[in-house]
Amino acid sequence: DELVDEYGWDSEAMSGIGYREFQDYSEGKLSMTQVKNSIVK
């Protein structure tokens, strides 16, 4: 959340695993459990 607030979803920071998966959560496309599963996958 702090990185998105400062740099936005299109920043280099958000392209990595463990970060980019949260965008779908923020847009209501994934639950938090699904975010975790997506990070693992």
PDB file of all heavy atoms in Angstrom:
ATOM      1  N   ASP A   1       0.831  -1.213   0.000  1.00  0.00           N
ATOM      2  CA  ASP A   1       0.000   0.000   0.000  1.00  0.00           C
ATOM      3  C   ASP A   1       0.861   1.258   0.000  1.00  0.00           C
ATOM      4  O   ASP A   1       0.566   2.232  -0.708  1.00  0.00           O
ATOM      5  CB  ASP A   1      -0.911   0.007   1.227  1.00  0.00           C
ATOM      6  CG  ASP A   1      -2.035  -1.015   1.131  1.00  0.00           C
ATOM      7  OD1 ASP A   1      -2.313  -1.483   0.008  1.00  0.00           O
ATOM      8  OD2 ASP A   1      -2.629  -1.353   2.178  1.00  0.00           O
ATOM      9  N   GLU A   2       1.933   1.236   0.772  1.00  0.00           N
ATOM     10  CA  GLU A   2       2.807   2.410   0.858  1.00  0.00           C
ATOM     11  C   GLU A   2       3.525   2.665  -0.466  1.00  0.00           C
ATOM     12  O   GLU A   2       3.668   3.811  -0.900  1.00  0.00           O
ATOM     13  CB  GLU A   2       3.821   2.218   1.985  1.00  0.00           C
ATOM     14  CG  GLU A   2       3.200   2.265   3.375  1.00  0.00           C
ATOM     15  CD  GLU A   2       4.177   1.913   4.478  1.00  0.00           C
ATOM     16  OE1 GLU A   2       5.290   1.419   4.147  1.00  0.00           O
ATOM     17  OE2 GLU A   2       3.852   2.123   5.661  1.00  0.00           O
ATOM     18  N   LEU A   3       3.967   1.596  -1.122  1.00  0.00           N
ATOM     19  CA  LEU A   3       4.638   1.743  -2.413  1.00  0.00           C
ATOM     20  C   LEU A   3       3.679   2.243  -3.489  1.00  0.00           C
ATOM     21  O   LEU A   3       4.031   3.090  -4.322  1.00  0.00           O
ATOM     22  CB  LEU A   3       5.253   0.406  -2.836  1.00  0.00           C
ATOM     23  CG  LEU A   3       6.485  -0.047  -2.043  1.00  0.00           C
ATOM     24  CD1 LEU A   3       6.797  -1.506  -2.339  1.00  0.00           C
ATOM     25  CD2 LEU A   3       7.684   0.831  -2.377  1.00  0.00           C
ATOM     26  N   VAL A   4       2.452   1.729  -3.478  1.00  0.00           N
ATOM     27  CA  VAL A   4       1.451   2.167  -4.456  1.00  0.00           C
ATOM     28  C   VAL A   4       1.107   3.635  -4.243  1.00  0.00           C
ATOM     29  O   VAL A   4       0.988   4.402  -5.208  1.00  0.00           O
ATOM     30  CB  VAL A   4       0.185   1.296  -4.361  1.00  0.00           C
ATOM     31  CG1 VAL A   4      -0.924   1.875  -5.242  1.00  0.00           C
ATOM     32  CG2 VAL A   4       0.482  -0.136  -4.787  1.00  0.00           C
ATOM     33  N   ASP A   5       0.967   4.032  -2.999  1.00  0.00           N
ATOM     34  CA  ASP A   5       0.655   5.435  -2.698  1.00  0.00           C
ATOM     35  C   ASP A   5       1.734   6.365  -3.236  1.00  0.00           C
ATOM     36  O   ASP A   5       1.439   7.469  -3.709  1.00  0.00           O
ATOM     37  CB  ASP A   5       0.509   5.631  -1.193  1.00  0.00           C
ATOM     38  CG  ASP A   5      -0.781   5.040  -0.650  1.00  0.00           C
ATOM     39  OD1 ASP A   5      -1.692   4.763  -1.463  1.00  0.00           O
ATOM     40  OD2 ASP A   5      -0.887   4.846   0.577  1.00  0.00           O
ATOM     41  N   GLU A   6       2.977   5.914  -3.167  1.00  0.00           N
ATOM     42  CA  GLU A   6       4.078   6.788  -3.573  1.00  0.00           C
ATOM     43  C   GLU A   6       4.396   6.700  -5.059  1.00  0.00           C
ATOM     44  O   GLU A   6       4.711   7.706  -5.694  1.00  0.00           O
ATOM     45  CB  GLU A   6       5.340   6.456  -2.767  1.00  0.00           C
ATOM     46  CG  GLU A   6       6.492   7.408  -3.029  1.00  0.00           C
ATOM     47  CD  GLU A   6       7.604   7.307  -1.993  1.00  0.00           C
ATOM     48  OE1 GLU A   6       7.479   6.465  -1.078  1.00  0.00           O
ATOM     49  OE2 GLU A   6       8.578   8.065  -2.104  1.00  0.00           O
ATOM     50  N   TYR A   7       4.318   5.490  -5.635  1.00  0.00           N
ATOM     51  CA  TYR A   7       4.786   5.307  -7.001  1.00  0.00           C
ATOM     52  C   TYR A   7       3.715   4.856  -7.995  1.00  0.00           C
ATOM     53  O   TYR A   7       3.928   4.942  -9.199  1.00  0.00           O
ATOM     54  CB  TYR A   7       5.939   4.284  -7.022  1.00  0.00           C
ATOM     55  CG  TYR A   7       7.119   4.696  -6.190  1.00  0.00           C
ATOM     56  CD1 TYR A   7       7.427   4.030  -4.999  1.00  0.00           C
ATOM     57  CD2 TYR A   7       7.937   5.749  -6.580  1.00  0.00           C
ATOM     58  CE1 TYR A   7       8.521   4.407  -4.231  1.00  0.00           C
ATOM     59  CE2 TYR A   7       9.031   6.134  -5.825  1.00  0.00           C
ATOM     60  CZ  TYR A   7       9.314   5.450  -4.638  1.00  0.00           C
ATOM     61  OH  TYR A   7      10.397   5.832  -3.881  1.00  0.00           O
ATOM     62  N   GLY A   8       2.600   4.312  -7.521  1.00  0.00           N
ATOM     63  CA  GLY A   8       1.549   3.835  -8.417  1.00  0.00           C
ATOM     64  C   GLY A   8       1.781   2.399  -8.865  1.00  0.00           C
ATOM     65  O   GLY A   8       2.868   1.845  -8.705  1.00  0.00           O
ATOM     66  N   TRP A   9       0.736   1.808  -9.456  1.00  0.00           N
ATOM     67  CA  TRP A   9       0.797   0.402  -9.854  1.00  0.00           C
ATOM     68  C   TRP A   9       1.741   0.161 -11.028  1.00  0.00           C
ATOM     69  O   TRP A   9       2.219  -0.960 -11.227  1.00  0.00           O
ATOM     70  CB  TRP A   9      -0.593  -0.107 -10.217  1.00  0.00           C
ATOM     71  CG  TRP A   9      -1.464  -0.376  -9.036  1.00  0.00           C
ATOM     72  CD1 TRP A   9      -2.589   0.288  -8.668  1.00  0.00           C
ATOM     73  CD2 TRP A   9      -1.275  -1.410  -8.045  1.00  0.00           C
ATOM     74  NE1 TRP A   9      -3.112  -0.249  -7.507  1.00  0.00           N
ATOM     75  CE2 TRP A   9      -2.329  -1.297  -7.116  1.00  0.00           C
ATOM     76  CE3 TRP A   9      -0.328  -2.404  -7.860  1.00  0.00           C
ATOM     77  CZ2 TRP A   9      -2.453  -2.136  -6.010  1.00  0.00           C
ATOM     78  CZ3 TRP A   9      -0.433  -3.256  -6.757  1.00  0.00           C
ATOM     79  CH2 TRP A   9      -1.500  -3.111  -5.846  1.00  0.00           C
ATOM     80  N   ASP A  10       2.023   1.173 -11.819  1.00  0.00           N
ATOM     81  CA  ASP A  10       2.837   0.974 -13.015  1.00  0.00           C
ATOM     82  C   ASP A  10       4.324   1.178 -12.760  1.00  0.00           C
ATOM     83  O   ASP A  10       5.133   1.169 -13.675  1.00  0.00           O
ATOM     84  CB  ASP A  10       2.388   1.917 -14.131  1.00  0.00           C
ATOM     85  CG  ASP A  10       2.892   1.464 -15.499  1.00  0.00           C
ATOM     86  OD1 ASP A  10       2.859   0.248 -15.758  1.00  0.00           O
ATOM     87  OD2 ASP A  10       3.328   2.322 -16.286  1.00  0.00           O
ATOM     88  N   SER A  11       4.702   1.327 -11.500  1.00  0.00           N
ATOM     89  CA  SER A  11       6.111   1.543 -11.175  1.00  0.00           C
ATOM     90  C   SER A  11       6.879   0.237 -11.219  1.00  0.00           C
ATOM     91  O   SER A  11       6.307  -0.853 -11.209  1.00  0.00           O
ATOM     92  CB  SER A  11       6.251   2.154  -9.777  1.00  0.00           C
ATOM     93  OG  SER A  11       5.927   1.190  -8.801  1.00  0.00           O
ATOM     94  N   GLU A  12       8.204   0.350 -11.277  1.00  0.00           N
ATOM     95  CA  GLU A  12       9.058  -0.830 -11.299  1.00  0.00           C
ATOM     96  C   GLU A  12       8.833  -1.696 -10.068  1.00  0.00           C
ATOM     97  O   GLU A  12       8.861  -2.927 -10.139  1.00  0.00           O
ATOM     98  CB  GLU A  12      10.534  -0.403 -11.376  1.00  0.00           C
ATOM     99  CG  GLU A  12      11.510  -1.551 -11.517  1.00  0.00           C
ATOM    100  CD  GLU A  12      11.306  -2.348 -12.788  1.00  0.00           C
ATOM    101  OE1 GLU A  12      10.776  -1.799 -13.765  1.00  0.00           O
ATOM    102  OE2 GLU A  12      11.686  -3.532 -12.802  1.00  0.00           O
ATOM    103  N   ALA A  13       8.592  -1.070  -8.945  1.00  0.00           N
ATOM    104  CA  ALA A  13       8.400  -1.812  -7.698  1.00  0.00           C
ATOM    105  C   ALA A  13       7.253  -2.798  -7.791  1.00  0.00           C
ATOM    106  O   ALA A  13       7.309  -3.898  -7.229  1.00  0.00           O
ATOM    107  CB  ALA A  13       8.150  -0.833  -6.546  1.00  0.00           C
ATOM    108  N   MET A  14       6.218  -2.419  -8.496  1.00  0.00           N
ATOM    109  CA  MET A  14       5.009  -3.248  -8.535  1.00  0.00           C
ATOM    110  C   MET A  14       5.073  -4.392  -9.548  1.00  0.00           C
ATOM    111  O   MET A  14       4.145  -5.175  -9.661  1.00  0.00           O
ATOM    112  CB  MET A  14       3.795  -2.367  -8.856  1.00  0.00           C
ATOM    113  CG  MET A  14       3.436  -1.382  -7.753  1.00  0.00           C
ATOM    114  SD  MET A  14       2.951  -2.216  -6.211  1.00  0.00           S
ATOM    115  CE  MET A  14       4.469  -2.053  -5.259  1.00  0.00           C
ATOM    116  N   SER A  15       6.160  -4.508 -10.292  1.00  0.00           N
ATOM    117  CA  SER A  15       6.246  -5.562 -11.302  1.00  0.00           C
ATOM    118  C   SER A  15       6.743  -6.884 -10.725  1.00  0.00           C
ATOM    119  O   SER A  15       6.709  -7.912 -11.398  1.00  0.00           O
ATOM    120  CB  SER A  15       7.166  -5.124 -12.452  1.00  0.00           C
ATOM    121  OG  SER A  15       8.512  -5.032 -12.004  1.00  0.00           O
ATOM    122  N   GLY A  16       7.222  -6.871  -9.481  1.00  0.00           N
ATOM    123  CA  GLY A  16       7.788  -8.080  -8.901  1.00  0.00           C
ATOM    124  C   GLY A  16       6.757  -8.975  -8.233  1.00  0.00           C
ATOM    125  O   GLY A  16       5.691  -8.525  -7.800  1.00  0.00           O
ATOM    126  N   ILE A  17       7.097 -10.270  -8.141  1.00  0.00           N
ATOM    127  CA  ILE A  17       6.242 -11.217  -7.434  1.00  0.00           C
ATOM    128  C   ILE A  17       6.141 -10.803  -5.975  1.00  0.00           C
ATOM    129  O   ILE A  17       7.120 -10.406  -5.356  1.00  0.00           O
ATOM    130  CB  ILE A  17       6.834 -12.645  -7.528  1.00  0.00           C
ATOM    131  CG1 ILE A  17       6.898 -13.093  -8.987  1.00  0.00           C
ATOM    132  CG2 ILE A  17       6.011 -13.630  -6.707  1.00  0.00           C
ATOM    133  CD1 ILE A  17       7.646 -14.402  -9.191  1.00  0.00           C
ATOM    134  N   GLY A  18       4.924 -10.920  -5.433  1.00  0.00           N
ATOM    135  CA  GLY A  18       4.704 -10.490  -4.059  1.00  0.00           C
ATOM    136  C   GLY A  18       4.145  -9.090  -3.981  1.00  0.00           C
ATOM    137  O   GLY A  18       3.732  -8.629  -2.906  1.00  0.00           O
ATOM    138  N   TYR A  19       4.130  -8.397  -5.126  1.00  0.00           N
ATOM    139  CA  TYR A  19       3.617  -7.028  -5.192  1.00  0.00           C
ATOM    140  C   TYR A  19       2.517  -6.913  -6.249  1.00  0.00           C
ATOM    141  O   TYR A  19       1.435  -6.402  -5.979  1.00  0.00           O
ATOM    142  CB  TYR A  19       4.753  -6.039  -5.497  1.00  0.00           C
ATOM    143  CG  TYR A  19       5.796  -5.998  -4.411  1.00  0.00           C
ATOM    144  CD1 TYR A  19       6.877  -6.872  -4.420  1.00  0.00           C
ATOM    145  CD2 TYR A  19       5.681  -5.121  -3.346  1.00  0.00           C
ATOM    146  CE1 TYR A  19       7.821  -6.857  -3.411  1.00  0.00           C
ATOM    147  CE2 TYR A  19       6.623  -5.091  -2.327  1.00  0.00           C
ATOM    148  CZ  TYR A  19       7.685  -5.970  -2.367  1.00  0.00           C
ATOM    149  OH  TYR A  19       8.611  -5.959  -1.358  1.00  0.00           O
ATOM    150  N   ARG A  20       2.824  -7.399  -7.462  1.00  0.00           N
ATOM    151  CA  ARG A  20       1.877  -7.206  -8.558  1.00  0.00           C
ATOM    152  C   ARG A  20       0.554  -7.921  -8.324  1.00  0.00           C
ATOM    153  O   ARG A  20      -0.483  -7.505  -8.839  1.00  0.00           O
ATOM    154  CB  ARG A  20       2.509  -7.695  -9.865  1.00  0.00           C
ATOM    155  CG  ARG A  20       2.743  -9.193  -9.933  1.00  0.00           C
ATOM    156  CD  ARG A  20       3.520  -9.577 -11.174  1.00  0.00           C
ATOM    157  NE  ARG A  20       3.631 -11.016 -11.341  1.00  0.00           N
ATOM    158  CZ  ARG A  20       4.737 -11.627 -11.750  1.00  0.00           C
ATOM    159  NH1 ARG A  20       5.814 -10.915 -11.994  1.00  0.00           N
ATOM    160  NH2 ARG A  20       4.754 -12.940 -11.914  1.00  0.00           N
ATOM    161  N   GLU A  21       0.569  -8.998  -7.522  1.00  0.00           N
ATOM    162  CA  GLU A  21      -0.654  -9.762  -7.292  1.00  0.00           C
ATOM    163  C   GLU A  21      -1.712  -8.963  -6.531  1.00  0.00           C
ATOM    164  O   GLU A  21      -2.901  -9.260  -6.615  1.00  0.00           O
ATOM    165  CB  GLU A  21      -0.336 -11.049  -6.520  1.00  0.00           C
ATOM    166  CG  GLU A  21       0.509 -12.057  -7.270  1.00  0.00           C
ATOM    167  CD  GLU A  21       1.998 -11.797  -7.186  1.00  0.00           C
ATOM    168  OE1 GLU A  21       2.387 -10.792  -6.544  1.00  0.00           O
ATOM    169  OE2 GLU A  21       2.781 -12.573  -7.747  1.00  0.00           O
ATOM    170  N   PHE A  22      -1.272  -7.946  -5.804  1.00  0.00           N
ATOM    171  CA  PHE A  22      -2.209  -7.160  -5.000  1.00  0.00           C
ATOM    172  C   PHE A  22      -3.068  -6.225  -5.843  1.00  0.00           C
ATOM    173  O   PHE A  22      -4.090  -5.725  -5.363  1.00  0.00           O
ATOM    174  CB  PHE A  22      -1.444  -6.335  -3.950  1.00  0.00           C
ATOM    175  CG  PHE A  22      -1.039  -7.126  -2.744  1.00  0.00           C
ATOM    176  CD1 PHE A  22       0.161  -7.821  -2.735  1.00  0.00           C
ATOM    177  CD2 PHE A  22      -1.848  -7.193  -1.624  1.00  0.00           C
ATOM    178  CE1 PHE A  22       0.553  -8.556  -1.623  1.00  0.00           C
ATOM    179  CE2 PHE A  22      -1.480  -7.929  -0.510  1.00  0.00           C
ATOM    180  CZ  PHE A  22      -0.265  -8.618  -0.509  1.00  0.00           C
ATOM    181  N   GLN A  23      -2.676  -5.974  -7.082  1.00  0.00           N
ATOM    182  CA  GLN A  23      -3.468  -5.067  -7.911  1.00  0.00           C
ATOM    183  C   GLN A  23      -4.861  -5.627  -8.159  1.00  0.00           C
ATOM    184  O   GLN A  23      -5.859  -4.900  -8.094  1.00  0.00           O
ATOM    185  CB  GLN A  23      -2.772  -4.772  -9.229  1.00  0.00           C
ATOM    186  CG  GLN A  23      -3.541  -3.749 -10.073  1.00  0.00           C
ATOM    187  CD  GLN A  23      -2.751  -3.260 -11.276  1.00  0.00           C
ATOM    188  OE1 GLN A  23      -1.703  -3.801 -11.611  1.00  0.00           O
ATOM    189  NE2 GLN A  23      -3.266  -2.224 -11.930  1.00  0.00           N
ATOM    190  N   ASP A  24      -4.933  -6.924  -8.458  1.00  0.00           N
ATOM    191  CA  ASP A  24      -6.240  -7.546  -8.672  1.00  0.00           C
ATOM    192  C   ASP A  24      -7.088  -7.505  -7.408  1.00  0.00           C
ATOM    193  O   ASP A  24      -8.311  -7.370  -7.470  1.00  0.00           O
ATOM    194  CB  ASP A  24      -6.069  -8.993  -9.145  1.00  0.00           C
ATOM    195  CG  ASP A  24      -5.673  -9.079 -10.610  1.00  0.00           C
ATOM    196  OD1 ASP A  24      -5.903  -8.094 -11.334  1.00  0.00           O
ATOM    197  OD2 ASP A  24      -5.136 -10.117 -11.025  1.00  0.00           O
ATOM    198  N   TYR A  25      -6.447  -7.593  -6.259  1.00  0.00           N
ATOM    199  CA  TYR A  25      -7.182  -7.474  -4.993  1.00  0.00           C
ATOM    200  C   TYR A  25      -7.728  -6.056  -4.843  1.00  0.00           C
ATOM    201  O   TYR A  25      -8.891  -5.858  -4.465  1.00  0.00           O
ATOM    202  CB  TYR A  25      -6.279  -7.815  -3.811  1.00  0.00           C
ATOM    203  CG  TYR A  25      -6.925  -7.538  -2.472  1.00  0.00           C
ATOM    204  CD1 TYR A  25      -7.846  -8.431  -1.924  1.00  0.00           C
ATOM    205  CD2 TYR A  25      -6.626  -6.380  -1.755  1.00  0.00           C
ATOM    206  CE1 TYR A  25      -8.454  -8.173  -0.697  1.00  0.00           C
ATOM    207  CE2 TYR A  25      -7.225  -6.112  -0.538  1.00  0.00           C
ATOM    208  CZ  TYR A  25      -8.129  -7.020  -0.014  1.00  0.00           C
ATOM    209  OH  TYR A  25      -8.739  -6.757   1.197  1.00  0.00           O
ATOM    210  N   SER A  26      -6.909  -5.078  -5.176  1.00  0.00           N
ATOM    211  CA  SER A  26      -7.342  -3.679  -5.046  1.00  0.00           C
ATOM    212  C   SER A  26      -8.497  -3.353  -5.975  1.00  0.00           C
ATOM    213  O   SER A  26      -9.288  -2.448  -5.706  1.00  0.00           O
ATOM    214  CB  SER A  26      -6.163  -2.734  -5.329  1.00  0.00           C
ATOM    215  OG  SER A  26      -5.836  -2.722  -6.711  1.00  0.00           O
ATOM    216  N   GLU A  27      -8.591  -4.114  -7.079  1.00  0.00           N
ATOM    217  CA  GLU A  27      -9.664  -3.892  -8.050  1.00  0.00           C
ATOM    218  C   GLU A  27     -10.845  -4.829  -7.823  1.00  0.00           C
ATOM    219  O   GLU A  27     -11.787  -4.873  -8.627  1.00  0.00           O
ATOM    220  CB  GLU A  27      -9.108  -4.083  -9.474  1.00  0.00           C
ATOM    221  CG  GLU A  27      -8.025  -3.054  -9.839  1.00  0.00           C
ATOM    222  CD  GLU A  27      -7.353  -3.356 -11.157  1.00  0.00           C
ATOM    223  OE1 GLU A  27      -7.669  -4.412 -11.747  1.00  0.00           O
ATOM    224  OE2 GLU A  27      -6.523  -2.547 -11.600  1.00  0.00           O
ATOM    225  N   GLY A  28     -10.809  -5.585  -6.722  1.00  0.00           N
ATOM    226  CA  GLY A  28     -11.910  -6.462  -6.365  1.00  0.00           C
ATOM    227  C   GLY A  28     -11.992  -7.746  -7.161  1.00  0.00           C
ATOM    228  O   GLY A  28     -13.019  -8.430  -7.149  1.00  0.00           O
ATOM    229  N   LYS A  29     -10.907  -8.112  -7.854  1.00  0.00           N
ATOM    230  CA  LYS A  29     -10.915  -9.305  -8.693  1.00  0.00           C
ATOM    231  C   LYS A  29     -10.479 -10.558  -7.937  1.00  0.00           C
ATOM    232  O   LYS A  29     -10.794 -11.672  -8.354  1.00  0.00           O
ATOM    233  CB  LYS A  29     -10.007  -9.100  -9.905  1.00  0.00           C
ATOM    234  CG  LYS A  29     -10.439  -7.965 -10.821  1.00  0.00           C
ATOM    235  CD  LYS A  29      -9.435  -7.782 -11.954  1.00  0.00           C
ATOM    236  CE  LYS A  29      -9.829  -6.611 -12.849  1.00  0.00           C
ATOM    237  NZ  LYS A  29      -8.822  -6.393 -13.923  1.00  0.00           N
ATOM    238  N   LEU A  30      -9.719 -10.388  -6.857  1.00  0.00           N
ATOM    239  CA  LEU A  30      -9.217 -11.513  -6.079  1.00  0.00           C
ATOM    240  C   LEU A  30      -9.470 -11.281  -4.592  1.00  0.00           C
ATOM    241  O   LEU A  30      -9.459 -10.128  -4.122  1.00  0.00           O
ATOM    242  CB  LEU A  30      -7.713 -11.712  -6.287  1.00  0.00           C
ATOM    243  CG  LEU A  30      -7.197 -12.156  -7.664  1.00  0.00           C
ATOM    244  CD1 LEU A  30      -5.677 -12.282  -7.628  1.00  0.00           C
ATOM    245  CD2 LEU A  30      -7.828 -13.468  -8.094  1.00  0.00           C
ATOM    246  N   SER A  31      -9.665 -12.368  -3.864  1.00  0.00           N
ATOM    247  CA  SER A  31      -9.711 -12.283  -2.404  1.00  0.00           C
ATOM    248  C   SER A  31      -8.283 -12.315  -1.887  1.00  0.00           C
ATOM    249  O   SER A  31      -7.341 -12.630  -2.625  1.00  0.00           O
ATOM    250  CB  SER A  31     -10.487 -13.471  -1.834  1.00  0.00           C
ATOM    251  OG  SER A  31      -9.773 -14.680  -2.049  1.00  0.00           O
ATOM    252  N   MET A  32      -8.090 -12.013  -0.600  1.00  0.00           N
ATOM    253  CA  MET A  32      -6.747 -12.030  -0.049  1.00  0.00           C
ATOM    254  C   MET A  32      -6.165 -13.441  -0.058  1.00  0.00           C
ATOM    255  O   MET A  32      -4.968 -13.636  -0.278  1.00  0.00           O
ATOM    256  CB  MET A  32      -6.751 -11.466   1.368  1.00  0.00           C
ATOM    257  CG  MET A  32      -5.349 -11.197   1.919  1.00  0.00           C
ATOM    258  SD  MET A  32      -4.357 -10.113   0.858  1.00  0.00           S
ATOM    259  CE  MET A  32      -5.233  -8.555   1.029  1.00  0.00           C
ATOM    260  N   THR A  33      -7.019 -14.442   0.151  1.00  0.00           N
ATOM    261  CA  THR A  33      -6.550 -15.830   0.067  1.00  0.00           C
ATOM    262  C   THR A  33      -6.059 -16.146  -1.338  1.00  0.00           C
ATOM    263  O   THR A  33      -5.034 -16.817  -1.529  1.00  0.00           O
ATOM    264  CB  THR A  33      -7.682 -16.808   0.450  1.00  0.00           C
ATOM    265  OG1 THR A  33      -8.048 -16.581   1.807  1.00  0.00           O
ATOM    266  CG2 THR A  33      -7.226 -18.248   0.285  1.00  0.00           C
ATOM    267  N   GLN A  34      -6.786 -15.653  -2.335  1.00  0.00           N
ATOM    268  CA  GLN A  34      -6.376 -15.877  -3.726  1.00  0.00           C
ATOM    269  C   GLN A  34      -5.069 -15.150  -4.043  1.00  0.00           C
ATOM    270  O   GLN A  34      -4.261 -15.632  -4.837  1.00  0.00           O
ATOM    271  CB  GLN A  34      -7.485 -15.430  -4.671  1.00  0.00           C
ATOM    272  CG  GLN A  34      -8.707 -16.339  -4.661  1.00  0.00           C
ATOM    273  CD  GLN A  34      -9.865 -15.775  -5.473  1.00  0.00           C
ATOM    274  OE1 GLN A  34     -10.169 -14.585  -5.404  1.00  0.00           O
ATOM    275  NE2 GLN A  34     -10.509 -16.644  -6.265  1.00  0.00           N
ATOM    276  N   VAL A  35      -4.863 -13.996  -3.430  1.00  0.00           N
ATOM    277  CA  VAL A  35      -3.597 -13.276  -3.606  1.00  0.00           C
ATOM    278  C   VAL A  35      -2.444 -14.123  -3.085  1.00  0.00           C
ATOM    279  O   VAL A  35      -1.413 -14.282  -3.748  1.00  0.00           O
ATOM    280  CB  VAL A  35      -3.634 -11.911  -2.881  1.00  0.00           C
ATOM    281  CG1 VAL A  35      -2.235 -11.285  -2.855  1.00  0.00           C
ATOM    282  CG2 VAL A  35      -4.603 -10.969  -3.576  1.00  0.00           C
ATOM    283  N   LYS A  36      -2.616 -14.692  -1.897  1.00  0.00           N
ATOM    284  CA  LYS A  36      -1.576 -15.554  -1.323  1.00  0.00           C
ATOM    285  C   LYS A  36      -1.293 -16.732  -2.242  1.00  0.00           C
ATOM    286  O   LYS A  36      -0.123 -17.061  -2.516  1.00  0.00           O
ATOM    287  CB  LYS A  36      -2.011 -16.063   0.050  1.00  0.00           C
ATOM    288  CG  LYS A  36      -2.045 -15.017   1.143  1.00  0.00           C
ATOM    289  CD  LYS A  36      -2.448 -15.656   2.471  1.00  0.00           C
ATOM    290  CE  LYS A  36      -2.561 -14.617   3.568  1.00  0.00           C
ATOM    291  NZ  LYS A  36      -2.958 -15.227   4.863  1.00  0.00           N
ATOM    292  N   ASN A  37      -2.348 -17.371  -2.711  1.00  0.00           N
ATOM    293  CA  ASN A  37      -2.172 -18.527  -3.590  1.00  0.00           C
ATOM    294  C   ASN A  37      -1.471 -18.132  -4.886  1.00  0.00           C
ATOM    295  O   ASN A  37      -0.654 -18.890  -5.420  1.00  0.00           O
ATOM    296  CB  ASN A  37      -3.526 -19.166  -3.903  1.00  0.00           C
ATOM    297  CG  ASN A  37      -4.166 -19.826  -2.692  1.00  0.00           C
ATOM    298  OD1 ASN A  37      -3.486 -20.164  -1.724  1.00  0.00           O
ATOM    299  ND2 ASN A  37      -5.479 -19.993  -2.732  1.00  0.00           N
ATOM    300  N   SER A  38      -1.801 -16.965  -5.383  1.00  0.00           N
ATOM    301  CA  SER A  38      -1.191 -16.487  -6.617  1.00  0.00           C
ATOM    302  C   SER A  38       0.303 -16.211  -6.413  1.00  0.00           C
ATOM    303  O   SER A  38       1.127 -16.509  -7.287  1.00  0.00           O
ATOM    304  CB  SER A  38      -1.895 -15.218  -7.099  1.00  0.00           C
ATOM    305  OG  SER A  38      -1.366 -14.764  -8.327  1.00  0.00           O
ATOM    306  N   ILE A  39       0.652 -15.650  -5.261  1.00  0.00           N
ATOM    307  CA  ILE A  39       2.064 -15.398  -4.957  1.00  0.00           C
ATOM    308  C   ILE A  39       2.841 -16.701  -4.893  1.00  0.00           C
ATOM    309  O   ILE A  39       3.942 -16.823  -5.443  1.00  0.00           O
ATOM    310  CB  ILE A  39       2.206 -14.622  -3.632  1.00  0.00           C
ATOM    311  CG1 ILE A  39       1.683 -13.185  -3.802  1.00  0.00           C
ATOM    312  CG2 ILE A  39       3.669 -14.587  -3.170  1.00  0.00           C
ATOM    313  CD1 ILE A  39       1.640 -12.391  -2.518  1.00  0.00           C
ATOM    314  N   VAL A  40       2.252 -17.712  -4.247  1.00  0.00           N
ATOM    315  CA  VAL A  40       2.907 -19.018  -4.156  1.00  0.00           C
ATOM    316  C   VAL A  40       3.098 -19.611  -5.545  1.00  0.00           C
ATOM    317  O   VAL A  40       4.185 -20.089  -5.906  1.00  0.00           O
ATOM    318  CB  VAL A  40       2.097 -19.987  -3.271  1.00  0.00           C
ATOM    319  CG1 VAL A  40       2.657 -21.407  -3.379  1.00  0.00           C
ATOM    320  CG2 VAL A  40       2.118 -19.518  -1.815  1.00  0.00           C
ATOM    321  N   LYS A  41       2.042 -19.583  -6.351  1.00  0.00           N
ATOM    322  CA  LYS A  41       2.111 -20.146  -7.701  1.00  0.00           C
ATOM    323  C   LYS A  41       3.151 -19.424  -8.549  1.00  0.00           C
ATOM    324  O   LYS A  41       3.975 -20.064  -9.232  1.00  0.00           O
ATOM    325  CB  LYS A  41       0.740 -20.043  -8.375  1.00  0.00           C
ATOM    326  CG  LYS A  41       0.720 -20.553  -9.810  1.00  0.00           C
ATOM    327  CD  LYS A  41      -0.649 -20.366 -10.446  1.00  0.00           C
ATOM    328  CE  LYS A  41      -0.646 -20.809 -11.911  1.00  0.00           C
ATOM    329  NZ  LYS A  41      -1.964 -20.583 -12.553  1.00  0.00           N
TER     330      LYS A  41
END
